[in-house]
Amino acid sequence: MRRCPYLEQLYKERRGPFRVYHFDCHVDHRSKHRIALRESPPICVRHFEDCHLYQEERQREDGIIRRYTS
């Protein structure tokens, strides 16, 4: 399974019928959590290309690379 390159930490905790996913994003420097009833990890693990934080950081890095290679 592919993960977001900016994902710093991910762990799953079970609380009764719930699954709580804790994850840290390097882009916004914040810790987040997601509560789910079934196996449904956060977007960082499922489809990170759709995450707006990933897209913004990727565009920023591409801009820096283009500036130094042009």
PDB file of N, CA and C in Angstrom:
ATOM      1  N   MET A   1       0.844  -1.185   0.000  1.00  0.00           N
ATOM      2  CA  MET A   1       0.000   0.000   0.000  1.00  0.00           C
ATOM      3  C   MET A   1       0.882   1.239   0.000  1.00  0.00           C
ATOM      4  N   ARG A   2       0.603   2.152  -0.913  1.00  0.00           N
ATOM      5  CA  ARG A   2       1.372   3.392  -1.003  1.00  0.00           C
ATOM      6  C   ARG A   2       0.861   4.388   0.026  1.00  0.00           C
ATOM      7  N   ARG A   3       1.779   5.131   0.596  1.00  0.00           N
ATOM      8  CA  ARG A   3       1.429   6.162   1.574  1.00  0.00           C
ATOM      9  C   ARG A   3       1.951   7.500   1.103  1.00  0.00           C
ATOM     10  N   CYS A   4       1.376   8.533   1.650  1.00  0.00           N
ATOM     11  CA  CYS A   4       1.818   9.888   1.335  1.00  0.00           C
ATOM     12  C   CYS A   4       3.263  10.068   1.797  1.00  0.00           C
ATOM     13  N   PRO A   5       4.113  10.669   0.978  1.00  0.00           N
ATOM     14  CA  PRO A   5       5.503  10.876   1.394  1.00  0.00           C
ATOM     15  C   PRO A   5       5.634  11.880   2.535  1.00  0.00           C
ATOM     16  N   TYR A   6       4.598  12.656   2.808  1.00  0.00           N
ATOM     17  CA  TYR A   6       4.636  13.646   3.881  1.00  0.00           C
ATOM     18  C   TYR A   6       4.003  13.126   5.169  1.00  0.00           C
ATOM     19  N   LEU A   7       3.586  11.872   5.186  1.00  0.00           N
ATOM     20  CA  LEU A   7       3.003  11.263   6.378  1.00  0.00           C
ATOM     21  C   LEU A   7       4.129  10.884   7.331  1.00  0.00           C
ATOM     22  N   GLU A   8       4.120  11.476   8.522  1.00  0.00           N
ATOM     23  CA  GLU A   8       5.203  11.215   9.472  1.00  0.00           C
ATOM     24  C   GLU A   8       4.893  10.044  10.389  1.00  0.00           C
ATOM     25  N   GLN A   9       3.661   9.934  10.841  1.00  0.00           N
ATOM     26  CA  GLN A   9       3.321   8.881  11.784  1.00  0.00           C
ATOM     27  C   GLN A   9       1.876   8.476  11.575  1.00  0.00           C
ATOM     28  N   LEU A  10       1.592   7.182  11.698  1.00  0.00           N
ATOM     29  CA  LEU A  10       0.232   6.673  11.586  1.00  0.00           C
ATOM     30  C   LEU A  10       0.095   5.487  12.524  1.00  0.00           C
ATOM     31  N   TYR A  11      -0.908   5.528  13.377  1.00  0.00           N
ATOM     32  CA  TYR A  11      -1.208   4.348  14.176  1.00  0.00           C
ATOM     33  C   TYR A  11      -2.698   4.254  14.417  1.00  0.00           C
ATOM     34  N   LYS A  12      -3.149   3.006  14.606  1.00  0.00           N
ATOM     35  CA  LYS A  12      -4.562   2.721  14.772  1.00  0.00           C
ATOM     36  C   LYS A  12      -4.815   2.247  16.192  1.00  0.00           C
ATOM     37  N   GLU A  13      -5.892   2.734  16.757  1.00  0.00           N
ATOM     38  CA  GLU A  13      -6.276   2.379  18.122  1.00  0.00           C
ATOM     39  C   GLU A  13      -7.723   1.899  18.065  1.00  0.00           C
ATOM     40  N   ARG A  14      -8.049   0.875  18.820  1.00  0.00           N
ATOM     41  CA  ARG A  14      -9.423   0.373  18.848  1.00  0.00           C
ATOM     42  C   ARG A  14     -10.083   0.791  20.155  1.00  0.00           C
ATOM     43  N   ARG A  15     -11.264   1.363  20.027  1.00  0.00           N
ATOM     44  CA  ARG A  15     -12.069   1.756  21.189  1.00  0.00           C
ATOM     45  C   ARG A  15     -13.457   1.176  21.004  1.00  0.00           C
ATOM     46  N   GLY A  16     -13.657  -0.009  21.539  1.00  0.00           N
ATOM     47  CA  GLY A  16     -14.937  -0.684  21.358  1.00  0.00           C
ATOM     48  C   GLY A  16     -15.148  -0.986  19.882  1.00  0.00           C
ATOM     49  N   PRO A  17     -16.289  -0.592  19.332  1.00  0.00           N
ATOM     50  CA  PRO A  17     -16.540  -0.865  17.908  1.00  0.00           C
ATOM     51  C   PRO A  17     -15.841   0.118  16.969  1.00  0.00           C
ATOM     52  N   PHE A  18     -15.220   1.148  17.526  1.00  0.00           N
ATOM     53  CA  PHE A  18     -14.605   2.189  16.709  1.00  0.00           C
ATOM     54  C   PHE A  18     -13.118   1.937  16.497  1.00  0.00           C
ATOM     55  N   ARG A  19     -12.626   2.434  15.372  1.00  0.00           N
ATOM     56  CA  ARG A  19     -11.196   2.449  15.088  1.00  0.00           C
ATOM     57  C   ARG A  19     -10.789   3.915  14.982  1.00  0.00           C
ATOM     58  N   VAL A  20      -9.797   4.281  15.750  1.00  0.00           N
ATOM     59  CA  VAL A  20      -9.328   5.664  15.748  1.00  0.00           C
ATOM     60  C   VAL A  20      -7.940   5.680  15.112  1.00  0.00           C
ATOM     61  N   TYR A  21      -7.827   6.412  14.014  1.00  0.00           N
ATOM     62  CA  TYR A  21      -6.556   6.546  13.307  1.00  0.00           C
ATOM     63  C   TYR A  21      -5.929   7.871  13.707  1.00  0.00           C
ATOM     64  N   HIS A  22      -4.716   7.821  14.213  1.00  0.00           N
ATOM     65  CA  HIS A  22      -3.951   9.021  14.558  1.00  0.00           C
ATOM     66  C   HIS A  22      -2.851   9.162  13.514  1.00  0.00           C
ATOM     67  N   PHE A  23      -2.712  10.361  12.959  1.00  0.00           N
ATOM     68  CA  PHE A  23      -1.691  10.561  11.937  1.00  0.00           C
ATOM     69  C   PHE A  23      -1.168  11.981  11.991  1.00  0.00           C
ATOM     70  N   ASP A  24       0.112  12.132  11.659  1.00  0.00           N
ATOM     71  CA  ASP A  24       0.798  13.429  11.658  1.00  0.00           C
ATOM     72  C   ASP A  24       1.193  13.769  10.232  1.00  0.00           C
ATOM     73  N   CYS A  25       0.864  14.978   9.831  1.00  0.00           N
ATOM     74  CA  CYS A  25       1.182  15.449   8.486  1.00  0.00           C
ATOM     75  C   CYS A  25       2.364  16.420   8.559  1.00  0.00           C
ATOM     76  N   HIS A  26       3.373  16.175   7.749  1.00  0.00           N
ATOM     77  CA  HIS A  26       4.563  17.029   7.729  1.00  0.00           C
ATOM     78  C   HIS A  26       4.264  18.392   7.102  1.00  0.00           C
ATOM     79  N   VAL A  27       3.280  18.462   6.227  1.00  0.00           N
ATOM     80  CA  VAL A  27       2.993  19.697   5.492  1.00  0.00           C
ATOM     81  C   VAL A  27       2.448  20.774   6.417  1.00  0.00           C
ATOM     82  N   ASP A  28       1.428  20.453   7.208  1.00  0.00           N
ATOM     83  CA  ASP A  28       0.825  21.471   8.077  1.00  0.00           C
ATOM     84  C   ASP A  28       1.290  21.366   9.526  1.00  0.00           C
ATOM     85  N   HIS A  29       2.170  20.414   9.827  1.00  0.00           N
ATOM     86  CA  HIS A  29       2.758  20.249  11.166  1.00  0.00           C
ATOM     87  C   HIS A  29       1.679  20.087  12.247  1.00  0.00           C
ATOM     88  N   ARG A  30       0.649  19.305  11.930  1.00  0.00           N
ATOM     89  CA  ARG A  30      -0.427  19.079  12.893  1.00  0.00           C
ATOM     90  C   ARG A  30      -0.689  17.586  13.037  1.00  0.00           C
ATOM     91  N   SER A  31      -1.172  17.205  14.201  1.00  0.00           N
ATOM     92  CA  SER A  31      -1.611  15.842  14.437  1.00  0.00           C
ATOM     93  C   SER A  31      -3.122  15.809  14.259  1.00  0.00           C
ATOM     94  N   LYS A  32      -3.589  14.770  13.616  1.00  0.00           N
ATOM     95  CA  LYS A  32      -5.013  14.638  13.344  1.00  0.00           C
ATOM     96  C   LYS A  32      -5.484  13.264  13.783  1.00  0.00           C
ATOM     97  N   HIS A  33      -6.799  13.091  13.875  1.00  0.00           N
ATOM     98  CA  HIS A  33      -7.349  11.776  14.137  1.00  0.00           C
ATOM     99  C   HIS A  33      -8.635  11.603  13.340  1.00  0.00           C
ATOM    100  N   ARG A  34      -8.946  10.353  13.054  1.00  0.00           N
ATOM    101  CA  ARG A  34     -10.144  10.019  12.298  1.00  0.00           C
ATOM    102  C   ARG A  34     -10.784   8.821  12.963  1.00  0.00           C
ATOM    103  N   ILE A  35     -12.088   8.886  13.170  1.00  0.00           N
ATOM    104  CA  ILE A  35     -12.832   7.810  13.810  1.00  0.00           C
ATOM    105  C   ILE A  35     -13.658   7.098  12.741  1.00  0.00           C
ATOM    106  N   ALA A  36     -13.595   5.769  12.722  1.00  0.00           N
ATOM    107  CA  ALA A  36     -14.317   4.987  11.727  1.00  0.00           C
ATOM    108  C   ALA A  36     -14.912   3.746  12.386  1.00  0.00           C
ATOM    109  N   LEU A  37     -15.998   3.253  11.819  1.00  0.00           N
ATOM    110  CA  LEU A  37     -16.614   2.026  12.303  1.00  0.00           C
ATOM    111  C   LEU A  37     -15.988   0.779  11.683  1.00  0.00           C
ATOM    112  N   ARG A  38     -15.398   0.924  10.516  1.00  0.00           N
ATOM    113  CA  ARG A  38     -14.765  -0.220   9.855  1.00  0.00           C
ATOM    114  C   ARG A  38     -13.376   0.193   9.381  1.00  0.00           C
ATOM    115  N   GLU A  39     -12.687  -0.733   8.750  1.00  0.00           N
ATOM    116  CA  GLU A  39     -11.340  -0.446   8.256  1.00  0.00           C
ATOM    117  C   GLU A  39     -11.413   0.610   7.161  1.00  0.00           C
ATOM    118  N   SER A  40     -11.119   1.833   7.509  1.00  0.00           N
ATOM    119  CA  SER A  40     -11.149   2.935   6.551  1.00  0.00           C
ATOM    120  C   SER A  40     -10.070   3.936   6.949  1.00  0.00           C
ATOM    121  N   PRO A  41      -8.830   3.703   6.528  1.00  0.00           N
ATOM    122  CA  PRO A  41      -7.738   4.597   6.920  1.00  0.00           C
ATOM    123  C   PRO A  41      -7.903   5.993   6.319  1.00  0.00           C
ATOM    124  N   PRO A  42      -7.181   6.966   6.833  1.00  0.00           N
ATOM    125  CA  PRO A  42      -7.289   8.337   6.318  1.00  0.00           C
ATOM    126  C   PRO A  42      -6.798   8.444   4.873  1.00  0.00           C
ATOM    127  N   ILE A  43      -7.082   9.582   4.265  1.00  0.00           N
ATOM    128  CA  ILE A  43      -6.738   9.812   2.857  1.00  0.00           C
ATOM    129  C   ILE A  43      -5.231   9.721   2.616  1.00  0.00           C
ATOM    130  N   CYS A  44      -4.419   9.947   3.640  1.00  0.00           N
ATOM    131  CA  CYS A  44      -2.951   9.853   3.508  1.00  0.00           C
ATOM    132  C   CYS A  44      -2.512   8.463   3.066  1.00  0.00           C
ATOM    133  N   VAL A  45      -3.319   7.478   3.370  1.00  0.00           N
ATOM    134  CA  VAL A  45      -2.966   6.103   3.050  1.00  0.00           C
ATOM    135  C   VAL A  45      -3.760   5.602   1.847  1.00  0.00           C
ATOM    136  N   ARG A  46      -5.012   6.007   1.729  1.00  0.00           N
ATOM    137  CA  ARG A  46      -5.862   5.509   0.649  1.00  0.00           C
ATOM    138  C   ARG A  46      -5.543   6.167  -0.692  1.00  0.00           C
ATOM    139  N   HIS A  47      -5.792   7.457  -0.820  1.00  0.00           N
ATOM    140  CA  HIS A  47      -5.610   8.185  -2.085  1.00  0.00           C
ATOM    141  C   HIS A  47      -4.939   9.519  -1.789  1.00  0.00           C
ATOM    142  N   PHE A  48      -3.668   9.481  -1.453  1.00  0.00           N
ATOM    143  CA  PHE A  48      -3.002  10.715  -1.032  1.00  0.00           C
ATOM    144  C   PHE A  48      -2.880  11.717  -2.164  1.00  0.00           C
ATOM    145  N   GLU A  49      -2.979  11.276  -3.427  1.00  0.00           N
ATOM    146  CA  GLU A  49      -2.914  12.223  -4.545  1.00  0.00           C
ATOM    147  C   GLU A  49      -4.089  13.200  -4.527  1.00  0.00           C
ATOM    148  N   ASP A  50      -5.192  12.833  -3.876  1.00  0.00           N
ATOM    149  CA  ASP A  50      -6.373  13.689  -3.797  1.00  0.00           C
ATOM    150  C   ASP A  50      -6.324  14.669  -2.626  1.00  0.00           C
ATOM    151  N   CYS A  51      -5.389  14.518  -1.729  1.00  0.00           N
ATOM    152  CA  CYS A  51      -5.288  15.378  -0.546  1.00  0.00           C
ATOM    153  C   CYS A  51      -4.810  16.770  -0.957  1.00  0.00           C
ATOM    154  N   HIS A  52      -5.510  17.798  -0.523  1.00  0.00           N
ATOM    155  CA  HIS A  52      -5.130  19.161  -0.910  1.00  0.00           C
ATOM    156  C   HIS A  52      -3.780  19.567  -0.325  1.00  0.00           C
ATOM    157  N   LEU A  53      -3.429  19.061   0.843  1.00  0.00           N
ATOM    158  CA  LEU A  53      -2.125  19.382   1.429  1.00  0.00           C
ATOM    159  C   LEU A  53      -0.989  18.787   0.588  1.00  0.00           C
ATOM    160  N   TYR A  54      -1.180  17.553   0.140  1.00  0.00           N
ATOM    161  CA  TYR A  54      -0.181  16.909  -0.717  1.00  0.00           C
ATOM    162  C   TYR A  54      -0.021  17.680  -2.020  1.00  0.00           C
ATOM    163  N   GLN A  55      -1.136  18.051  -2.632  1.00  0.00           N
ATOM    164  CA  GLN A  55      -1.089  18.760  -3.914  1.00  0.00           C
ATOM    165  C   GLN A  55      -0.385  20.107  -3.787  1.00  0.00           C
ATOM    166  N   GLU A  56      -0.676  20.855  -2.717  1.00  0.00           N
ATOM    167  CA  GLU A  56      -0.034  22.157  -2.512  1.00  0.00           C
ATOM    168  C   GLU A  56       1.470  22.014  -2.308  1.00  0.00           C
ATOM    169  N   GLU A  57       1.870  21.060  -1.481  1.00  0.00           N
ATOM    170  CA  GLU A  57       3.298  20.876  -1.201  1.00  0.00           C
ATOM    171  C   GLU A  57       4.035  20.379  -2.442  1.00  0.00           C
ATOM    172  N   ARG A  58       3.409  19.509  -3.185  1.00  0.00           N
ATOM    173  CA  ARG A  58       4.027  18.989  -4.407  1.00  0.00           C
ATOM    174  C   ARG A  58       4.234  20.119  -5.429  1.00  0.00           C
ATOM    175  N   GLN A  59       3.235  20.992  -5.584  1.00  0.00           N
ATOM    176  CA  GLN A  59       3.365  22.123  -6.499  1.00  0.00           C
ATOM    177  C   GLN A  59       4.463  23.078  -6.040  1.00  0.00           C
ATOM    178  N   ARG A  60       4.561  23.296  -4.736  1.00  0.00           N
ATOM    179  CA  ARG A  60       5.600  24.173  -4.202  1.00  0.00           C
ATOM    180  C   ARG A  60       6.985  23.602  -4.496  1.00  0.00           C
ATOM    181  N   GLU A  61       7.155  22.298  -4.237  1.00  0.00           N
ATOM    182  CA  GLU A  61       8.449  21.662  -4.495  1.00  0.00           C
ATOM    183  C   GLU A  61       8.779  21.649  -5.987  1.00  0.00           C
ATOM    184  N   ASP A  62       7.789  21.382  -6.833  1.00  0.00           N
ATOM    185  CA  ASP A  62       8.021  21.404  -8.279  1.00  0.00           C
ATOM    186  C   ASP A  62       8.448  22.797  -8.740  1.00  0.00           C
ATOM    187  N   GLY A  63       7.864  23.837  -8.158  1.00  0.00           N
ATOM    188  CA  GLY A  63       8.239  25.204  -8.496  1.00  0.00           C
ATOM    189  C   GLY A  63       9.683  25.504  -8.132  1.00  0.00           C
ATOM    190  N   ILE A  64      10.115  25.026  -6.991  1.00  0.00           N
ATOM    191  CA  ILE A  64      11.509  25.227  -6.569  1.00  0.00           C
ATOM    192  C   ILE A  64      12.449  24.489  -7.522  1.00  0.00           C
ATOM    193  N   ILE A  65      12.111  23.267  -7.873  1.00  0.00           N
ATOM    194  CA  ILE A  65      12.964  22.477  -8.775  1.00  0.00           C
ATOM    195  C   ILE A  65      13.041  23.153 -10.146  1.00  0.00           C
ATOM    196  N   ARG A  66      11.897  23.629 -10.674  1.00  0.00           N
ATOM    197  CA  ARG A  66      11.887  24.297 -11.977  1.00  0.00           C
ATOM    198  C   ARG A  66      12.728  25.575 -11.959  1.00  0.00           C
ATOM    199  N   ARG A  67      12.682  26.272 -10.842  1.00  0.00           N
ATOM    200  CA  ARG A  67      13.431  27.527 -10.739  1.00  0.00           C
ATOM    201  C   ARG A  67      14.936  27.272 -10.828  1.00  0.00           C
ATOM    202  N   TYR A  68      15.399  26.194 -10.216  1.00  0.00           N
ATOM    203  CA  TYR A  68      16.843  25.927 -10.214  1.00  0.00           C
ATOM    204  C   TYR A  68      17.316  25.129 -11.416  1.00  0.00           C
ATOM    205  N   THR A  69      16.411  24.518 -12.162  1.00  0.00           N
ATOM    206  CA  THR A  69      16.851  23.747 -13.333  1.00  0.00           C
ATOM    207  C   THR A  69      16.628  24.475 -14.633  1.00  0.00           C
ATOM    208  N   SER A  70      15.945  25.593 -14.598  1.00  0.00           N
ATOM    209  CA  SER A  70      15.687  26.353 -15.846  1.00  0.00           C
ATOM    210  C   SER A  70      16.788  27.322 -16.148  1.00  0.00           C
TER     211      SER A  70
END
